[in-house]
Amino acid sequence: MLELRHLRYFLAVAEELNFSRAAERLNMAQPPLSVAIRQLEQELGTPLLTRTTREVRLTDAGEAFLSGAQATLAELDRAMTDARRASHGELGRLRIAFSWGARFVTLPTLGQAFRSSYPDVELLTEEMWNARMAAALNSRAVDLAISICPEVHGSLRYEAIRREPVVALLMADHPLAGETQIELEALREEPFVMFPRGVAPRFYDTLIGFCRGAGFEPKLLNESFHTSWQLGVLADVPAAAIAPESVARELPAGLVAVSLSEPTPRVETALVWREDNRSATCTAFRAVARTVFEPQLLDTSLGEA
């Protein structure tokens, strides 16, 4: 029966055209090498080599067989290399869901860092509301989520990768727009624009909680923060908003971001994945993420949310 070792033995002899040198190259004795080549020729039913006391030459059949043997072994070597690389997360595809607010800093920063170390892994990203992420992860529609204030589910694992300050977003002509820093309490009389709680309950409750911690209940307008942003009309809405600081990197015209005084409210961004996900690419992405932002574990409030 033809075996891969026969191909490797034949390739060595065909390239060296000398049994002694081929045996030395293969780290084996010459007699078993000669036996293996004869077995190969018997299996094929034709001589592959012409042997004399002075030289070894390929027959026409040997020339034809050589190119196929080289291609087969090269393809096998590539397959073995790809398998090893895939087992280390260096090859494959990773599907990532991300919160809207992560697209400004967190997602591109992580993506660039991961790509520099794992250039052959294909990243497929999808913006997704937090409330949909658990179902998408459990159904295997995505492999990993980058979530700001993620929803908590027992079937999922969480790892915080950064915490960032919250800022106030104000219309450019607002009396406080020129301030370097303000107290959140200074906005108690302002109408606020948020997003429907159902799309990101824990994130919504966290932002409302900051206002309550400052001593007031925000007066919410019947407007969607994200929809108004996407439509380019947020600056026309006469209301304040609070959002992660990275959002200020791409503010629509007519809006300004103002820092909040200490103790500055902060929100965490976490990686979320299925507990049974053993994907090497997912593991590699999480390892890279730990090196990009300051490593932190989620606090116990996440499990109580």
Protein backbone atom coordinates (compact mmCIF):
# COMPACT_ATOMS: atom_id res chain seq x y z
CA MET A 1 0.00 0.00 0.00
CA LEU A 2 1.29 3.42 -0.93
CA GLU A 3 2.22 5.48 2.15
CA LEU A 4 3.35 9.06 2.60
CA ARG A 5 6.76 7.84 3.70
CA HIS A 6 7.22 6.30 0.24
CA LEU A 7 6.67 9.74 -1.30
CA ARG A 8 9.18 11.35 1.05
CA TYR A 9 11.74 8.59 0.39
CA PHE A 10 11.27 8.85 -3.37
CA LEU A 11 11.54 12.64 -3.30
CA ALA A 12 14.85 12.45 -1.43
CA VAL A 13 16.31 9.93 -3.91
CA ALA A 14 14.97 11.84 -6.92
CA GLU A 15 16.49 15.09 -5.72
CA GLU A 16 19.82 13.59 -4.63
CA LEU A 17 20.06 10.95 -7.42
CA ASN A 18 22.14 9.03 -4.94
CA PHE A 19 20.85 6.46 -2.45
CA SER A 20 23.62 7.05 0.09
CA ARG A 21 23.09 10.80 0.23
CA ALA A 22 19.32 10.34 0.28
CA ALA A 23 19.56 7.89 3.21
CA GLU A 24 21.79 10.31 5.08
CA ARG A 25 19.33 13.14 4.42
CA LEU A 26 16.50 10.98 5.76
CA ASN A 27 18.52 9.84 8.80
CA MET A 28 18.11 6.18 7.89
CA ALA A 29 20.20 3.29 6.58
CA GLN A 30 20.45 2.75 2.83
CA PRO A 31 19.10 -0.87 2.64
CA PRO A 32 15.60 -0.06 4.03
CA LEU A 33 15.48 2.97 1.75
CA SER A 34 16.17 0.77 -1.28
CA VAL A 35 13.50 -1.68 -0.09
CA ALA A 36 10.94 1.13 0.26
CA ILE A 37 11.63 2.43 -3.25
CA ARG A 38 11.21 -1.08 -4.69
CA GLN A 39 7.90 -1.41 -2.80
CA LEU A 40 6.77 1.89 -4.32
CA GLU A 41 7.69 0.76 -7.81
CA GLN A 42 5.85 -2.53 -7.28
CA GLU A 43 2.78 -0.66 -6.08
CA LEU A 44 2.84 1.54 -9.19
CA GLY A 45 3.76 -1.34 -11.49
CA THR A 46 6.59 0.52 -13.18
CA PRO A 47 10.25 1.44 -12.49
CA LEU A 48 10.76 5.00 -11.31
CA LEU A 49 14.55 4.93 -11.26
CA THR A 50 17.28 3.49 -13.43
CA ARG A 51 20.13 2.26 -11.24
CA THR A 52 23.66 1.49 -12.35
CA THR A 53 26.91 1.22 -10.44
CA ARG A 54 27.78 4.71 -11.52
CA GLU A 55 24.51 6.66 -11.43
CA VAL A 56 20.82 6.86 -10.56
CA ARG A 57 18.44 8.43 -13.07
CA LEU A 58 14.72 9.02 -13.21
CA THR A 59 12.71 7.09 -15.78
CA ASP A 60 9.97 8.85 -17.74
CA ALA A 61 7.52 7.42 -15.20
CA GLY A 62 9.75 8.71 -12.42
CA GLU A 63 9.78 12.23 -13.91
CA ALA A 64 5.98 12.19 -14.13
CA PHE A 65 5.58 10.83 -10.61
CA LEU A 66 8.03 13.36 -9.15
CA SER A 67 5.94 16.44 -9.91
CA GLY A 68 2.85 14.85 -8.38
CA ALA A 69 4.77 13.70 -5.32
CA GLN A 70 6.21 17.18 -4.79
CA ALA A 71 2.76 18.78 -5.07
CA THR A 72 1.21 16.24 -2.70
CA LEU A 73 3.87 16.69 -0.05
CA ALA A 74 3.82 20.45 -0.38
CA GLU A 75 0.04 20.49 0.06
CA LEU A 76 0.34 18.18 3.05
CA ASP A 77 2.96 20.44 4.62
CA ARG A 78 0.70 23.46 4.08
CA ALA A 79 -2.24 21.62 5.61
CA MET A 80 -0.17 20.62 8.64
CA THR A 81 1.12 24.16 9.05
CA ASP A 82 -2.40 25.60 8.77
CA ALA A 83 -3.67 23.10 11.35
CA ARG A 84 -0.94 24.08 13.79
CA ARG A 85 -1.55 27.78 13.20
CA ALA A 86 -5.30 27.34 13.65
CA SER A 87 -4.71 25.51 16.92
CA HIS A 88 -2.83 28.60 18.14
CA GLY A 89 -5.50 31.03 16.94
CA GLU A 90 -3.36 32.28 14.06
CA LEU A 91 -5.79 31.28 11.34
CA GLY A 92 -9.56 31.32 10.96
CA ARG A 93 -12.45 33.71 11.44
CA LEU A 94 -13.79 35.53 14.49
CA ARG A 95 -17.29 37.06 14.49
CA ILE A 96 -17.58 39.96 16.90
CA ALA A 97 -20.66 41.86 18.05
CA PHE A 98 -20.08 45.30 19.56
CA SER A 99 -21.98 48.02 21.38
CA TRP A 100 -22.52 51.24 19.45
CA GLY A 101 -20.27 53.21 21.80
CA ALA A 102 -17.38 50.76 21.31
CA ARG A 103 -16.96 51.72 17.66
CA PHE A 104 -15.22 55.02 18.41
CA VAL A 105 -12.15 53.80 20.32
CA THR A 106 -12.45 50.33 21.81
CA LEU A 107 -13.24 48.31 18.69
CA PRO A 108 -10.68 49.91 16.34
CA THR A 109 -7.97 49.83 19.02
CA LEU A 110 -8.55 46.14 19.71
CA GLY A 111 -8.90 45.31 16.02
CA GLN A 112 -5.62 46.98 15.08
CA ALA A 113 -3.74 45.35 17.95
CA PHE A 114 -5.13 41.92 17.11
CA ARG A 115 -4.43 42.28 13.41
CA SER A 116 -0.79 43.17 14.03
CA SER A 117 -0.30 39.87 15.88
CA TYR A 118 -2.76 37.69 13.94
CA PRO A 119 -2.90 39.11 10.39
CA ASP A 120 -4.39 35.94 8.89
CA VAL A 121 -7.47 35.81 11.14
CA GLU A 122 -10.54 37.32 9.48
CA LEU A 123 -12.54 39.59 11.78
CA LEU A 124 -16.24 40.04 11.02
CA THR A 125 -17.90 42.72 13.13
CA GLU A 126 -21.56 43.58 13.70
CA GLU A 127 -22.99 46.47 15.69
CA MET A 128 -25.60 45.08 18.06
CA TRP A 129 -27.77 46.23 20.94
CA ASN A 130 -26.68 44.74 24.27
CA ALA A 131 -30.03 43.03 24.77
CA ARG A 132 -29.49 40.91 21.63
CA MET A 133 -25.95 39.81 22.40
CA ALA A 134 -26.71 36.85 24.68
CA ALA A 135 -29.00 35.23 22.10
CA ALA A 136 -26.47 35.85 19.33
CA LEU A 137 -23.68 34.31 21.40
CA ASN A 138 -25.71 31.29 22.54
CA SER A 139 -26.93 30.59 19.01
CA ARG A 140 -23.33 30.85 17.77
CA ALA A 141 -24.23 33.66 15.39
CA VAL A 142 -21.25 35.50 16.91
CA ASP A 143 -18.21 34.25 18.81
CA LEU A 144 -17.46 37.24 21.01
CA ALA A 145 -19.07 40.50 22.07
CA ILE A 146 -17.54 43.81 23.08
CA SER A 147 -20.19 45.30 25.30
CA ILE A 148 -20.51 48.47 27.36
CA CYS A 149 -22.29 47.53 30.59
CA PRO A 150 -23.21 44.06 29.27
CA GLU A 151 -26.34 42.16 30.20
CA VAL A 152 -25.65 39.28 32.60
CA HIS A 153 -26.49 35.68 31.69
CA GLY A 154 -25.35 32.53 33.45
CA SER A 155 -24.28 30.79 30.23
CA LEU A 156 -21.78 33.52 29.38
CA ARG A 157 -18.34 34.57 30.60
CA TYR A 158 -17.27 38.18 31.12
CA GLU A 159 -13.98 40.02 31.36
CA ALA A 160 -13.71 43.79 31.78
CA ILE A 161 -11.06 45.31 29.55
CA ARG A 162 -11.45 49.03 30.26
CA ARG A 163 -13.35 51.61 32.25
CA GLU A 164 -13.84 55.05 30.83
CA PRO A 165 -15.27 58.30 32.18
CA VAL A 166 -18.73 59.51 31.28
CA VAL A 167 -19.05 62.99 29.80
CA ALA A 168 -21.94 65.40 29.34
CA LEU A 169 -23.00 66.17 25.77
CA LEU A 170 -24.46 69.65 25.35
CA MET A 171 -25.57 71.89 22.50
CA ALA A 172 -22.75 74.24 21.51
CA ASP A 173 -24.74 77.29 22.60
CA HIS A 174 -25.57 75.86 26.03
CA PRO A 175 -24.46 78.13 28.89
CA LEU A 176 -22.23 75.35 30.29
CA ALA A 177 -20.76 74.32 26.95
CA GLY A 178 -17.62 76.39 27.46
CA GLU A 179 -16.80 74.95 30.85
CA THR A 180 -13.82 72.64 31.27
CA GLN A 181 -15.62 70.57 33.86
CA ILE A 182 -19.06 70.57 35.47
CA GLU A 183 -20.92 68.76 38.22
CA LEU A 184 -23.49 66.32 36.89
CA GLU A 185 -25.91 67.88 39.38
CA ALA A 186 -25.69 71.11 37.33
CA LEU A 187 -27.87 69.41 34.72
CA ARG A 188 -30.74 68.56 37.06
CA GLU A 189 -33.14 70.97 35.33
CA GLU A 190 -32.13 69.95 31.83
CA PRO A 191 -34.21 67.61 29.67
CA PHE A 192 -32.25 64.47 28.81
CA VAL A 193 -32.21 62.34 25.69
CA MET A 194 -31.55 58.61 26.17
CA PHE A 195 -32.37 55.37 24.39
CA PRO A 196 -35.15 52.84 25.05
CA ARG A 197 -34.32 50.80 28.14
CA GLY A 198 -35.21 47.54 26.44
CA VAL A 199 -32.29 47.68 24.00
CA ALA A 200 -29.62 47.89 26.73
CA PRO A 201 -31.23 47.60 30.20
CA ARG A 202 -28.10 47.52 32.33
CA PHE A 203 -26.42 50.37 30.44
CA TYR A 204 -29.62 52.42 30.69
CA ASP A 205 -29.92 51.77 34.43
CA THR A 206 -26.25 52.64 34.95
CA LEU A 207 -26.63 56.05 33.30
CA ILE A 208 -29.88 56.80 35.14
CA GLY A 209 -28.14 55.70 38.33
CA PHE A 210 -25.42 58.31 37.83
CA CYS A 211 -28.08 61.02 37.72
CA ARG A 212 -29.81 59.68 40.80
CA GLY A 213 -26.48 59.52 42.56
CA ALA A 214 -26.06 63.21 41.78
CA GLY A 215 -29.39 63.87 43.49
CA PHE A 216 -31.91 64.16 40.66
CA GLU A 217 -34.20 62.15 38.43
CA PRO A 218 -33.49 62.99 34.76
CA LYS A 219 -36.36 64.42 32.73
CA LEU A 220 -36.38 62.24 29.64
CA LEU A 221 -37.55 63.43 26.24
CA ASN A 222 -39.37 61.13 23.87
CA GLU A 223 -36.32 60.99 21.60
CA SER A 224 -33.81 58.25 20.87
CA PHE A 225 -30.20 59.29 21.42
CA HIS A 226 -28.79 56.85 18.89
CA THR A 227 -31.43 57.44 16.23
CA SER A 228 -31.01 61.19 16.49
CA TRP A 229 -27.23 60.74 16.23
CA GLN A 230 -27.48 58.53 13.16
CA LEU A 231 -29.94 60.89 11.47
CA GLY A 232 -27.68 63.86 12.15
CA VAL A 233 -30.30 65.75 14.16
CA LEU A 234 -29.02 65.20 17.71
CA ALA A 235 -27.62 68.73 17.83
CA ASP A 236 -31.12 70.00 17.07
CA VAL A 237 -32.63 68.26 20.10
CA PRO A 238 -32.77 70.75 23.00
CA ALA A 239 -31.52 68.30 25.60
CA ALA A 240 -28.44 67.09 27.43
CA ALA A 241 -27.05 63.58 27.31
CA ILE A 242 -24.39 61.58 29.08
CA ALA A 243 -22.23 59.05 27.25
CA PRO A 244 -18.86 57.30 27.40
CA GLU A 245 -15.97 59.70 26.82
CA SER A 246 -14.84 57.99 23.61
CA VAL A 247 -18.09 59.10 21.91
CA ALA A 248 -16.67 62.63 22.00
CA ARG A 249 -14.10 61.60 19.36
CA GLU A 250 -16.71 61.96 16.60
CA LEU A 251 -19.30 64.43 17.85
CA PRO A 252 -21.82 65.76 15.34
CA ALA A 253 -21.50 69.44 14.52
CA GLY A 254 -23.26 71.60 17.07
CA LEU A 255 -22.47 69.40 20.07
CA VAL A 256 -19.71 69.63 22.65
CA ALA A 257 -18.51 67.23 25.32
CA VAL A 258 -17.83 68.50 28.83
CA SER A 259 -16.00 66.49 31.48
CA LEU A 260 -17.75 65.68 34.75
CA SER A 261 -16.20 66.51 38.12
CA GLU A 262 -14.70 63.94 40.43
CA PRO A 263 -15.74 61.39 41.40
CA THR A 264 -16.28 61.02 37.67
CA PRO A 265 -18.86 58.39 36.73
CA ARG A 266 -17.32 55.56 34.71
CA VAL A 267 -18.68 52.70 32.63
CA GLU A 268 -16.97 49.41 31.96
CA THR A 269 -16.51 47.68 28.64
CA ALA A 270 -16.31 43.90 28.77
CA LEU A 271 -15.60 41.01 26.47
CA VAL A 272 -18.42 38.46 26.55
CA TRP A 273 -18.28 34.91 25.23
CA ARG A 274 -19.93 31.51 25.68
CA GLU A 275 -18.59 29.47 28.55
CA ASP A 276 -18.15 26.47 26.22
CA ASN A 277 -16.30 28.44 23.54
CA ARG A 278 -12.88 26.79 23.17
CA SER A 279 -12.00 28.60 19.95
CA ALA A 280 -8.30 29.38 19.75
CA THR A 281 -9.01 32.63 17.89
CA CYS A 282 -11.42 33.75 20.62
CA THR A 283 -8.82 32.94 23.27
CA ALA A 284 -6.15 34.80 21.31
CA PHE A 285 -8.36 37.88 20.94
CA ARG A 286 -9.01 37.97 24.68
CA ALA A 287 -5.28 37.67 25.37
CA VAL A 288 -4.52 40.60 23.09
CA ALA A 289 -7.27 42.68 24.68
CA ARG A 290 -5.63 42.26 28.08
CA THR A 291 -2.48 43.93 26.77
CA VAL A 292 -4.24 46.88 25.13
CA PHE A 293 -6.19 48.32 28.04
CA GLU A 294 -5.44 48.14 31.73
CA PRO A 295 -6.43 44.62 32.92
CA GLN A 296 -9.42 44.68 35.27
CA LEU A 297 -11.92 42.15 36.53
CA LEU A 298 -15.61 42.96 36.52
CA ASP A 299 -16.79 44.03 39.94
CA THR A 300 -19.40 42.06 41.83
CA SER A 301 -22.15 44.52 40.86
CA LEU A 302 -22.18 42.95 37.40
CA GLY A 303 -23.46 39.71 38.79
CA GLU A 304 -26.12 41.54 40.79
CA ALA A 305 -27.44 43.70 37.97
